[in-house]
Amino acid sequence: MSLKRKIIAIVVAAFISPGLTTVFAFSPPFLPKTLISTPAEDKNDELSRKDVERFVTAIALVHQYYIKNMSNKKLLDSAISGMMANLDPHSSYLDNNDLKELKTTVSGEFVGVGIELTVSKDGLLKVISPLEDSPAARAGIQPNDYIVKIDDQLVQNMSLPEAVSRIKGKKETTVKLTVLRKSANKPLIFSIQREPIHLVSVKSKTLEPGYGYVRITFFQGPVENQLRDAIDKLKKESQGPLKGLVLDLRNNPGGLLDVSAQVADSFLDASKMHRYNDLIVYTKGRVPGADIQIKATPGDLIPHTPMVVLINGGSASASEIVAGALQDYKRAIIMGTPSFGKGSVQTVLPIGKEDAIKLTTALYYTPAGREIQAKGIIPNVAVPEFSITPPKSQLSLDEADFQNHLPNDGAASTKANPTTAEEEKNLLQIQLQLAKTDYQLYQALMMLQGLQVVKH
């Protein structure tokens, strides 16, 4: 189910799974002809010769009086970096090394610790989420942790690219992260070994006969094809159409805009939607050319199959596009906790042969016109993340559960079909185990099974 219009843009929070910023370069149609020209509404704010002279004077004074000798290139790079850092947490200056790292992002293999980061209002590094099965996840890094030190270096007001470069490093080397966590009464220190990060975007399994589970960890690469293969596999395991599907986007920090739109389109049938102009997502910017619309196409991978989408505070950006679209069209029930709220689009614009700026150029909106930025997606059904321990009585067996048990007073056994009874007992055990290990997923499964009862 290909989209009519593919957009090469990125909608992810600052990403350093591998210590890389997650942006993707494209050539927009709205580049200014000169550095000084501005949109019509800002004509009174054009740079004057006097403004340029102020900047040159500042550089000259640094050269003349600063205690250390500084090159013009270093000063200019720092000036651009400072300018970008003061715009918003997701805009930044990219030097030659940053651009090289950016290109490797597309390969899906990195060396790093696997953390998705953004910058908080007070200048601290905030963890959106650790990548699944990454060194950071295994070490115990959690969403909403705040990194305050990298190898004993304070990070407050450190630019994101600089923090990224400090966290990344060579294979099998170690980085020490000092973390603040709301639930901890003192800073936590993690020593994490850097490893190659191999992104596996789509994972799937059968929860119970007829009920499938698909987890998307990141929207990058051939996710649409992997999703199709996963659903085909689930159908074969169920020996027929699925009764329900859980799409897990928890701790998914985002990825490419066009990939997330493809995933949403996989479950949206434009021939039956008849509202919101068949939109999956649209963006609105300040300058001409920044506005983009992506629409759904006919067809649905699992028509008539109920869906639950799981989200949490680690679900950001492209994840919110998918959840928002499926929620607006009532194609899925959104369950979990509110998402991160990263609803801005970044564009990489070259400023030279070896450097560029990553600039926030637009905000994106759900089909119904909801703005995601700083608000997030609110679940239809709020389910907190916690573990439960079922009462022992739920796990115990009674006499009637055993095959060939003695019937009461010579009456027929209450379990006429022992095989069916065993299957039901096994399913109960599976559900109880799921409730203990992943309460949100357990609730999603219960929701789907309840919908099946209502349906029939």
Protein backbone atom coordinates (compact mmCIF):
# COMPACT_ATOMS: atom_id res chain seq x y z
CA MET A 1 0.00 0.00 0.00
CA SER A 2 2.27 2.78 -1.24
CA LEU A 3 1.61 6.39 -0.39
CA LYS A 4 0.82 8.73 -3.24
CA ARG A 5 3.34 11.19 -1.93
CA LYS A 6 6.52 10.28 -0.13
CA ILE A 7 8.15 12.92 1.94
CA ILE A 8 11.78 12.77 2.94
CA ALA A 9 11.52 14.52 6.26
CA ILE A 10 12.16 13.59 9.81
CA VAL A 11 9.87 13.84 12.74
CA VAL A 12 11.92 12.52 15.59
CA ALA A 13 13.17 13.78 18.88
CA ALA A 14 16.92 14.29 19.13
CA PHE A 15 18.25 10.78 18.81
CA ILE A 16 21.48 9.30 20.01
CA SER A 17 20.76 5.62 20.05
CA PRO A 18 24.08 5.48 18.61
CA GLY A 19 24.95 8.95 19.65
CA LEU A 20 23.48 10.47 16.53
CA THR A 21 21.11 13.32 16.02
CA THR A 22 18.10 12.01 14.22
CA VAL A 23 17.35 14.26 11.37
CA PHE A 24 17.22 13.58 7.68
CA ALA A 25 18.36 16.03 5.05
CA PHE A 26 16.22 17.13 2.16
CA SER A 27 16.24 20.07 -0.21
CA PRO A 28 13.18 22.19 0.57
CA PRO A 29 11.62 24.43 -2.04
CA PHE A 30 11.66 27.42 0.27
CA LEU A 31 15.34 28.28 0.70
CA PRO A 32 15.91 32.04 0.85
CA LYS A 33 17.85 33.55 -2.03
CA THR A 34 20.14 35.46 0.34
CA LEU A 35 21.03 35.15 3.97
CA ILE A 36 19.51 38.53 4.69
CA SER A 37 16.20 38.28 2.83
CA THR A 38 13.18 37.49 5.00
CA PRO A 39 9.45 36.88 4.55
CA ALA A 40 7.36 39.95 3.84
CA GLU A 41 6.08 40.31 7.40
CA ASP A 42 9.68 40.65 8.65
CA LYS A 43 10.98 43.27 6.22
CA ASN A 44 11.58 45.67 9.10
CA ASP A 45 13.84 43.09 10.72
CA GLU A 46 16.42 42.78 7.94
CA LEU A 47 20.08 42.75 8.94
CA SER A 48 21.80 46.07 8.39
CA ARG A 49 25.47 46.76 7.73
CA LYS A 50 25.65 48.04 11.29
CA ASP A 51 24.44 44.69 12.63
CA VAL A 52 27.08 42.84 10.64
CA GLU A 53 29.73 45.26 11.91
CA ARG A 54 28.71 44.49 15.51
CA PHE A 55 29.32 40.82 14.90
CA VAL A 56 32.68 41.43 13.24
CA THR A 57 33.67 43.76 16.07
CA ALA A 58 32.86 41.05 18.63
CA ILE A 59 35.12 38.60 16.80
CA ALA A 60 37.90 41.20 16.64
CA LEU A 61 37.65 41.88 20.37
CA VAL A 62 37.88 38.17 21.16
CA HIS A 63 40.99 37.95 18.99
CA GLN A 64 42.54 40.94 20.70
CA TYR A 65 41.71 40.35 24.35
CA TYR A 66 40.71 36.71 24.99
CA ILE A 67 43.18 34.74 27.09
CA LYS A 68 43.49 31.99 24.46
CA ASN A 69 44.12 32.19 20.74
CA MET A 70 40.91 31.36 18.84
CA SER A 71 40.54 30.75 15.12
CA ASN A 72 37.95 32.63 13.10
CA LYS A 73 36.35 29.32 12.07
CA LYS A 74 36.00 28.21 15.68
CA LEU A 75 34.40 31.50 16.66
CA LEU A 76 32.04 31.45 13.71
CA ASP A 77 31.01 27.84 14.37
CA SER A 78 30.36 28.69 18.02
CA ALA A 79 28.30 31.72 17.05
CA ILE A 80 26.10 29.68 14.72
CA SER A 81 25.79 26.90 17.30
CA GLY A 82 24.72 29.37 19.98
CA MET A 83 22.19 30.98 17.66
CA MET A 84 20.59 27.62 16.83
CA ALA A 85 20.58 26.43 20.44
CA ASN A 86 18.60 29.50 21.47
CA LEU A 87 15.79 28.78 19.01
CA ASP A 88 14.34 25.56 20.45
CA PRO A 89 15.57 22.21 21.82
CA HIS A 90 15.53 20.54 18.39
CA SER A 91 17.36 23.12 16.26
CA SER A 92 21.15 22.86 16.11
CA TYR A 93 24.31 23.43 14.12
CA LEU A 94 25.79 20.38 12.37
CA ASP A 95 29.49 20.39 11.57
CA ASN A 96 31.20 18.01 9.18
CA ASN A 97 31.40 15.19 11.74
CA ASP A 98 27.73 15.61 12.63
CA LEU A 99 26.77 15.34 8.97
CA LYS A 100 28.83 12.17 8.51
CA GLU A 101 27.12 10.63 11.52
CA LEU A 102 23.77 11.72 10.16
CA LYS A 103 24.35 9.78 6.96
CA THR A 104 25.10 6.61 8.92
CA THR A 105 21.72 6.89 10.69
CA VAL A 106 19.97 5.60 7.59
CA SER A 107 21.93 2.33 7.69
CA GLY A 108 20.20 1.21 10.89
CA GLU A 109 23.47 0.16 12.54
CA PHE A 110 25.34 2.32 15.02
CA VAL A 111 27.87 2.23 17.81
CA GLY A 112 26.54 3.78 20.99
CA VAL A 113 24.45 3.16 24.08
CA GLY A 114 20.95 3.55 22.63
CA ILE A 115 19.26 6.57 24.18
CA GLU A 116 16.69 8.93 22.71
CA LEU A 117 17.29 12.43 24.07
CA THR A 118 15.89 15.92 24.05
CA VAL A 119 16.86 19.08 25.92
CA SER A 120 14.64 20.24 28.78
CA LYS A 121 13.72 23.87 29.44
CA ASP A 122 16.37 24.11 32.16
CA GLY A 123 19.12 22.89 29.84
CA LEU A 124 19.30 19.29 31.05
CA LEU A 125 19.33 16.21 28.84
CA LYS A 126 15.98 14.43 29.15
CA VAL A 127 15.65 10.79 28.16
CA ILE A 128 12.70 10.14 25.88
CA SER A 129 13.40 6.43 25.97
CA PRO A 130 16.19 3.88 25.70
CA LEU A 131 16.09 1.76 22.57
CA GLU A 132 14.83 -1.74 23.12
CA ASP A 133 17.59 -4.27 23.91
CA SER A 134 20.19 -1.47 23.86
CA PRO A 135 23.06 -1.13 26.38
CA ALA A 136 21.21 1.79 27.98
CA ALA A 137 18.02 -0.27 28.40
CA ARG A 138 19.93 -3.18 29.91
CA ALA A 139 21.73 -0.82 32.28
CA GLY A 140 18.41 0.49 33.59
CA ILE A 141 18.04 3.90 31.94
CA GLN A 142 14.33 4.86 31.92
CA PRO A 143 12.10 7.35 30.08
CA ASN A 144 12.02 10.79 31.76
CA ASP A 145 15.41 10.32 33.39
CA TYR A 146 17.57 13.46 33.38
CA ILE A 147 21.25 13.13 32.51
CA VAL A 148 23.20 15.72 34.52
CA LYS A 149 26.76 14.50 33.94
CA ILE A 150 28.60 12.69 31.17
CA ASP A 151 31.88 11.25 32.46
CA ASP A 152 31.79 13.76 35.37
CA GLN A 153 31.23 16.68 32.97
CA LEU A 154 28.13 18.76 33.81
CA VAL A 155 25.75 18.92 30.85
CA GLN A 156 23.58 21.90 31.79
CA ASN A 157 23.42 24.29 28.82
CA MET A 158 25.59 21.91 26.78
CA SER A 159 24.36 21.77 23.19
CA LEU A 160 22.72 18.54 22.11
CA PRO A 161 25.33 17.78 19.41
CA GLU A 162 28.10 18.27 21.97
CA ALA A 163 26.37 15.97 24.45
CA VAL A 164 25.85 13.44 21.68
CA SER A 165 29.53 13.49 20.75
CA ARG A 166 30.50 12.93 24.39
CA ILE A 167 28.15 9.98 24.86
CA LYS A 168 29.10 8.24 21.63
CA GLY A 169 32.47 6.63 21.17
CA LYS A 170 34.33 3.58 20.04
CA LYS A 171 33.05 0.04 20.38
CA GLU A 172 33.56 -1.59 23.80
CA THR A 173 34.51 1.67 25.51
CA THR A 174 32.55 2.86 28.54
CA VAL A 175 30.68 6.08 29.27
CA LYS A 176 29.55 7.09 32.76
CA LEU A 177 26.17 8.82 33.01
CA THR A 178 24.90 10.53 36.17
CA VAL A 179 21.11 10.52 36.19
CA LEU A 180 18.37 12.20 38.20
CA ARG A 181 15.14 10.23 38.57
CA LYS A 182 11.97 11.40 40.31
CA SER A 183 11.58 8.13 42.18
CA ALA A 184 15.18 8.14 43.48
CA ASN A 185 16.34 10.25 46.42
CA LYS A 186 19.90 10.59 45.10
CA PRO A 187 21.66 10.70 41.72
CA LEU A 188 22.07 7.37 39.95
CA ILE A 189 25.34 6.50 38.22
CA PHE A 190 25.42 4.18 35.20
CA SER A 191 28.57 2.88 33.54
CA ILE A 192 27.49 1.74 30.09
CA GLN A 193 29.60 -0.03 27.50
CA ARG A 194 29.16 1.23 23.96
CA GLU A 195 28.09 -1.43 21.47
CA PRO A 196 26.92 -1.69 17.87
CA ILE A 197 23.20 -0.95 17.81
CA HIS A 198 21.24 -2.99 15.30
CA LEU A 199 17.77 -1.55 14.90
CA VAL A 200 15.08 -4.19 14.46
CA SER A 201 12.04 -2.07 13.75
CA VAL A 202 9.23 -4.67 13.78
CA LYS A 203 8.67 -7.58 16.16
CA SER A 204 5.57 -9.74 16.45
CA LYS A 205 4.04 -12.68 18.29
CA THR A 206 0.70 -14.38 18.88
CA LEU A 207 -0.71 -13.54 22.31
CA GLU A 208 -3.52 -16.08 22.09
CA PRO A 209 -5.11 -17.88 19.15
CA GLY A 210 -6.51 -15.15 16.91
CA TYR A 211 -4.93 -12.25 18.81
CA GLY A 212 -1.75 -10.77 17.42
CA TYR A 213 0.88 -8.40 18.78
CA VAL A 214 3.15 -6.16 16.72
CA ARG A 215 5.77 -3.91 18.25
CA ILE A 216 7.39 -1.14 16.21
CA THR A 217 10.53 0.17 17.90
CA PHE A 218 11.52 2.85 15.38
CA PHE A 219 10.15 4.21 12.11
CA GLN A 220 13.12 3.68 9.84
CA GLY A 221 13.80 1.51 6.81
CA PRO A 222 11.35 -0.94 5.21
CA VAL A 223 8.94 -0.92 8.15
CA GLU A 224 5.87 -1.13 5.91
CA ASN A 225 7.09 -4.40 4.33
CA GLN A 226 8.15 -5.79 7.71
CA LEU A 227 4.73 -4.93 9.12
CA ARG A 228 2.99 -6.68 6.24
CA ASP A 229 5.15 -9.79 6.74
CA ALA A 230 4.48 -9.78 10.48
CA ILE A 231 0.72 -9.63 10.00
CA ASP A 232 0.82 -12.39 7.37
CA LYS A 233 2.73 -14.53 9.86
CA LEU A 234 0.18 -13.82 12.60
CA LYS A 235 -2.67 -14.76 10.26
CA LYS A 236 -1.00 -18.08 9.44
CA GLU A 237 -0.45 -18.82 13.11
CA SER A 238 -4.11 -18.03 13.77
CA GLN A 239 -5.19 -20.10 10.75
CA GLY A 240 -7.44 -17.31 9.54
CA PRO A 241 -8.32 -13.64 10.01
CA LEU A 242 -7.19 -12.03 13.24
CA LYS A 243 -9.76 -11.39 15.96
CA GLY A 244 -7.73 -8.48 17.29
CA LEU A 245 -4.33 -6.78 17.02
CA VAL A 246 -2.24 -4.88 19.56
CA LEU A 247 0.12 -2.33 17.99
CA ASP A 248 2.76 -1.44 20.57
CA LEU A 249 4.37 2.00 20.14
CA ARG A 250 5.57 2.38 23.71
CA ASN A 251 9.05 3.90 24.01
CA ASN A 252 9.15 4.40 20.25
CA PRO A 253 10.86 7.80 19.83
CA GLY A 254 9.80 8.33 16.22
CA GLY A 255 11.62 8.16 12.91
CA LEU A 256 10.89 9.18 9.36
CA LEU A 257 7.64 10.95 8.60
CA ASP A 258 6.91 9.02 5.42
CA VAL A 259 7.54 5.68 7.16
CA SER A 260 5.13 6.50 9.99
CA ALA A 261 2.53 7.62 7.44
CA GLN A 262 2.93 4.31 5.59
CA VAL A 263 2.26 2.42 8.82
CA ALA A 264 -0.87 4.44 9.57
CA ASP A 265 -1.99 4.01 5.96
CA SER A 266 -1.68 0.24 6.34
CA PHE A 267 -4.71 0.31 8.66
CA LEU A 268 -6.70 3.13 7.05
CA ASP A 269 -8.93 2.54 4.04
CA ALA A 270 -9.45 5.82 2.19
CA SER A 271 -12.43 4.39 0.33
CA LYS A 272 -14.34 4.11 3.62
CA MET A 273 -13.09 7.07 5.68
CA HIS A 274 -15.13 9.95 4.17
CA ARG A 275 -13.84 12.65 6.51
CA TYR A 276 -10.84 14.84 7.28
CA ASN A 277 -10.10 14.83 3.54
CA ASP A 278 -8.50 11.37 4.00
CA LEU A 279 -5.52 13.00 5.75
CA ILE A 280 -3.06 10.98 7.78
CA VAL A 281 -1.01 13.99 8.87
CA TYR A 282 -0.35 17.51 7.72
CA THR A 283 2.26 20.12 8.58
CA LYS A 284 2.05 23.90 8.81
CA GLY A 285 5.05 26.19 8.67
CA ARG A 286 5.72 29.91 8.42
CA VAL A 287 7.11 30.05 4.91
CA PRO A 288 5.72 28.82 1.57
CA GLY A 289 6.60 25.21 0.88
CA ALA A 290 6.65 24.09 4.51
CA ASP A 291 3.03 22.92 4.40
CA ILE A 292 2.68 19.22 3.58
CA GLN A 293 -0.34 16.91 3.42
CA ILE A 294 -0.13 13.12 3.39
CA LYS A 295 -3.32 11.23 2.59
CA ALA A 296 -4.44 7.65 3.07
CA THR A 297 -4.93 5.26 0.16
CA PRO A 298 -7.57 2.53 -0.35
CA GLY A 299 -7.09 -0.77 1.45
CA ASP A 300 -6.55 -2.06 4.99
CA LEU A 301 -4.22 -4.91 5.96
CA ILE A 302 -6.71 -6.24 8.50
CA PRO A 303 -10.17 -4.90 7.65
CA HIS A 304 -12.83 -5.36 10.36
CA THR A 305 -10.16 -6.42 12.89
CA PRO A 306 -10.32 -4.42 16.15
CA MET A 307 -7.07 -2.73 17.17
CA VAL A 308 -5.54 -1.37 20.36
CA VAL A 309 -2.51 0.93 20.16
CA LEU A 310 -0.30 1.11 23.26
CA ILE A 311 1.54 4.38 23.97
CA ASN A 312 3.40 5.95 26.88
CA GLY A 313 5.61 8.93 27.69
CA GLY A 314 8.36 7.45 25.54
CA SER A 315 6.16 7.46 22.42
CA ALA A 316 7.18 10.52 20.46
CA SER A 317 6.95 12.25 17.14
CA ALA A 318 6.32 9.71 14.35
CA SER A 319 4.70 7.39 16.92
CA GLU A 320 2.27 10.17 17.74
CA ILE A 321 1.45 10.59 14.06
CA VAL A 322 0.36 6.95 13.85
CA ALA A 323 -1.54 6.98 17.14
CA GLY A 324 -3.21 10.31 16.35
CA ALA A 325 -4.39 9.24 12.90
CA LEU A 326 -5.79 5.89 14.08
CA GLN A 327 -7.47 7.65 16.99
CA ASP A 328 -9.07 10.40 14.89
CA TYR A 329 -10.57 7.88 12.47
CA LYS A 330 -11.62 5.63 15.37
CA ARG A 331 -9.69 2.81 13.73
CA ALA A 332 -8.03 1.87 17.01
CA ILE A 333 -8.46 2.36 20.73
CA ILE A 334 -5.45 4.19 22.16
CA MET A 335 -4.44 2.78 25.54
CA GLY A 336 -1.70 3.54 28.05
CA THR A 337 -0.39 6.90 29.27
CA PRO A 338 -0.05 10.27 27.46
CA SER A 339 2.65 10.40 24.80
CA PHE A 340 5.71 12.66 24.79
CA GLY A 341 4.33 15.58 22.77
CA LYS A 342 6.99 16.18 20.13
CA GLY A 343 5.06 17.64 17.22
CA SER A 344 7.65 19.63 15.30
CA VAL A 345 9.38 18.94 12.00
CA GLN A 346 13.11 19.48 11.56
CA THR A 347 14.81 20.14 8.24
CA VAL A 348 18.54 19.91 7.54
CA LEU A 349 19.63 22.89 5.45
CA PRO A 350 23.20 23.11 4.10
CA ILE A 351 25.07 26.35 4.82
CA GLY A 352 28.31 25.19 3.22
CA LYS A 353 29.93 22.15 1.66
CA GLU A 354 30.75 20.61 5.03
CA ASP A 355 28.19 21.95 7.49
CA ALA A 356 24.48 22.57 7.88
CA ILE A 357 21.80 23.64 10.31
CA LYS A 358 18.99 21.50 11.62
CA LEU A 359 16.04 23.85 11.83
CA THR A 360 12.49 23.47 13.08
CA THR A 361 10.42 24.43 10.04
CA ALA A 362 6.87 23.27 10.81
CA LEU A 363 4.47 21.74 13.28
CA TYR A 364 2.43 18.68 12.43
CA TYR A 365 -1.23 18.02 13.12
CA THR A 366 -3.50 14.99 13.31
CA PRO A 367 -6.26 14.58 10.69
CA ALA A 368 -8.76 16.29 13.00
CA GLY A 369 -6.45 19.29 13.39
CA ARG A 370 -5.07 18.48 16.82
CA GLU A 371 -1.66 19.94 17.57
CA ILE A 372 0.72 17.45 19.18
CA GLN A 373 3.51 19.82 20.22
CA ALA A 374 3.86 19.89 24.03
CA LYS A 375 0.45 18.20 24.36
CA GLY A 376 0.90 14.66 23.13
CA ILE A 377 -1.74 12.03 22.40
CA ILE A 378 -4.15 11.37 25.26
CA PRO A 379 -5.22 7.70 25.43
CA ASN A 380 -8.87 6.74 25.06
CA VAL A 381 -8.29 4.36 27.96
CA ALA A 382 -5.75 5.37 30.60
CA VAL A 383 -3.78 2.39 31.89
CA PRO A 384 -0.77 3.06 34.16
CA GLU A 385 2.42 1.07 34.02
CA PHE A 386 2.75 -1.19 37.04
CA SER A 387 3.17 -4.83 38.01
CA ILE A 388 0.57 -6.92 39.74
CA THR A 389 0.68 -10.17 41.65
CA PRO A 390 -2.52 -12.18 41.23
CA PRO A 391 -4.00 -13.88 44.31
CA LYS A 392 -2.78 -17.43 44.82
CA SER A 393 -6.35 -18.69 44.56
CA GLN A 394 -6.38 -17.68 40.90
CA LEU A 395 -3.40 -19.90 40.22
CA SER A 396 -4.57 -22.94 42.17
CA LEU A 397 -6.30 -26.01 40.77
CA ASP A 398 -9.29 -27.75 42.29
CA GLU A 399 -10.38 -31.39 42.05
CA ALA A 400 -12.64 -30.77 39.06
CA ASP A 401 -9.67 -29.53 37.04
CA PHE A 402 -8.04 -32.97 36.92
CA GLN A 403 -8.84 -35.51 34.22
CA ASN A 404 -10.74 -38.63 35.38
CA HIS A 405 -11.76 -37.03 38.66
CA LEU A 406 -14.55 -38.74 40.60
CA PRO A 407 -17.89 -37.11 39.80
CA ASN A 408 -20.16 -35.92 42.60
CA ASP A 409 -22.62 -38.66 43.76
CA GLY A 410 -22.24 -40.60 40.55
CA ALA A 411 -23.35 -37.64 38.40
CA ALA A 412 -21.73 -36.86 35.09
CA SER A 413 -18.49 -34.94 35.23
CA THR A 414 -18.79 -31.15 35.07
CA LYS A 415 -15.97 -31.17 32.52
CA ALA A 416 -17.35 -33.09 29.57
CA ASN A 417 -14.40 -32.12 27.38
CA PRO A 418 -11.13 -32.45 29.33
CA THR A 419 -9.08 -31.21 26.39
CA THR A 420 -11.07 -27.98 26.20
CA ALA A 421 -10.76 -27.57 29.96
CA GLU A 422 -6.98 -27.93 29.77
CA GLU A 423 -6.80 -25.39 26.96
CA GLU A 424 -8.84 -22.91 28.98
CA LYS A 425 -6.64 -23.49 32.00
CA ASN A 426 -3.52 -22.90 29.91
CA LEU A 427 -4.98 -19.68 28.50
CA LEU A 428 -5.77 -18.50 32.01
CA GLN A 429 -2.20 -19.20 33.09
CA ILE A 430 -0.90 -17.28 30.06
CA GLN A 431 -3.14 -14.32 30.84
CA LEU A 432 -2.11 -14.25 34.48
CA GLN A 433 1.55 -14.36 33.51
CA LEU A 434 0.98 -11.53 31.03
CA ALA A 435 -0.77 -9.49 33.73
CA LYS A 436 2.28 -9.88 35.94
CA THR A 437 4.88 -9.04 33.30
CA ASP A 438 3.09 -6.39 31.20
CA TYR A 439 -0.11 -5.06 32.72
CA GLN A 440 -0.82 -2.63 29.88
CA LEU A 441 -0.54 -5.35 27.26
CA TYR A 442 -2.76 -7.59 29.39
CA GLN A 443 -5.41 -4.86 29.50
CA ALA A 444 -5.13 -4.41 25.72
CA LEU A 445 -5.77 -8.12 25.20
CA MET A 446 -8.74 -8.03 27.57
CA MET A 447 -10.13 -5.04 25.65
CA LEU A 448 -9.87 -6.87 22.32
CA GLN A 449 -11.52 -9.97 23.72
CA GLY A 450 -14.30 -7.84 25.16
CA LEU A 451 -14.85 -6.25 21.75
CA GLN A 452 -15.18 -9.72 20.24
CA VAL A 453 -17.91 -10.57 22.75
CA VAL A 454 -19.79 -7.36 21.90
CA LYS A 455 -19.27 -7.96 18.18
CA HIS A 456 -20.94 -11.37 18.33
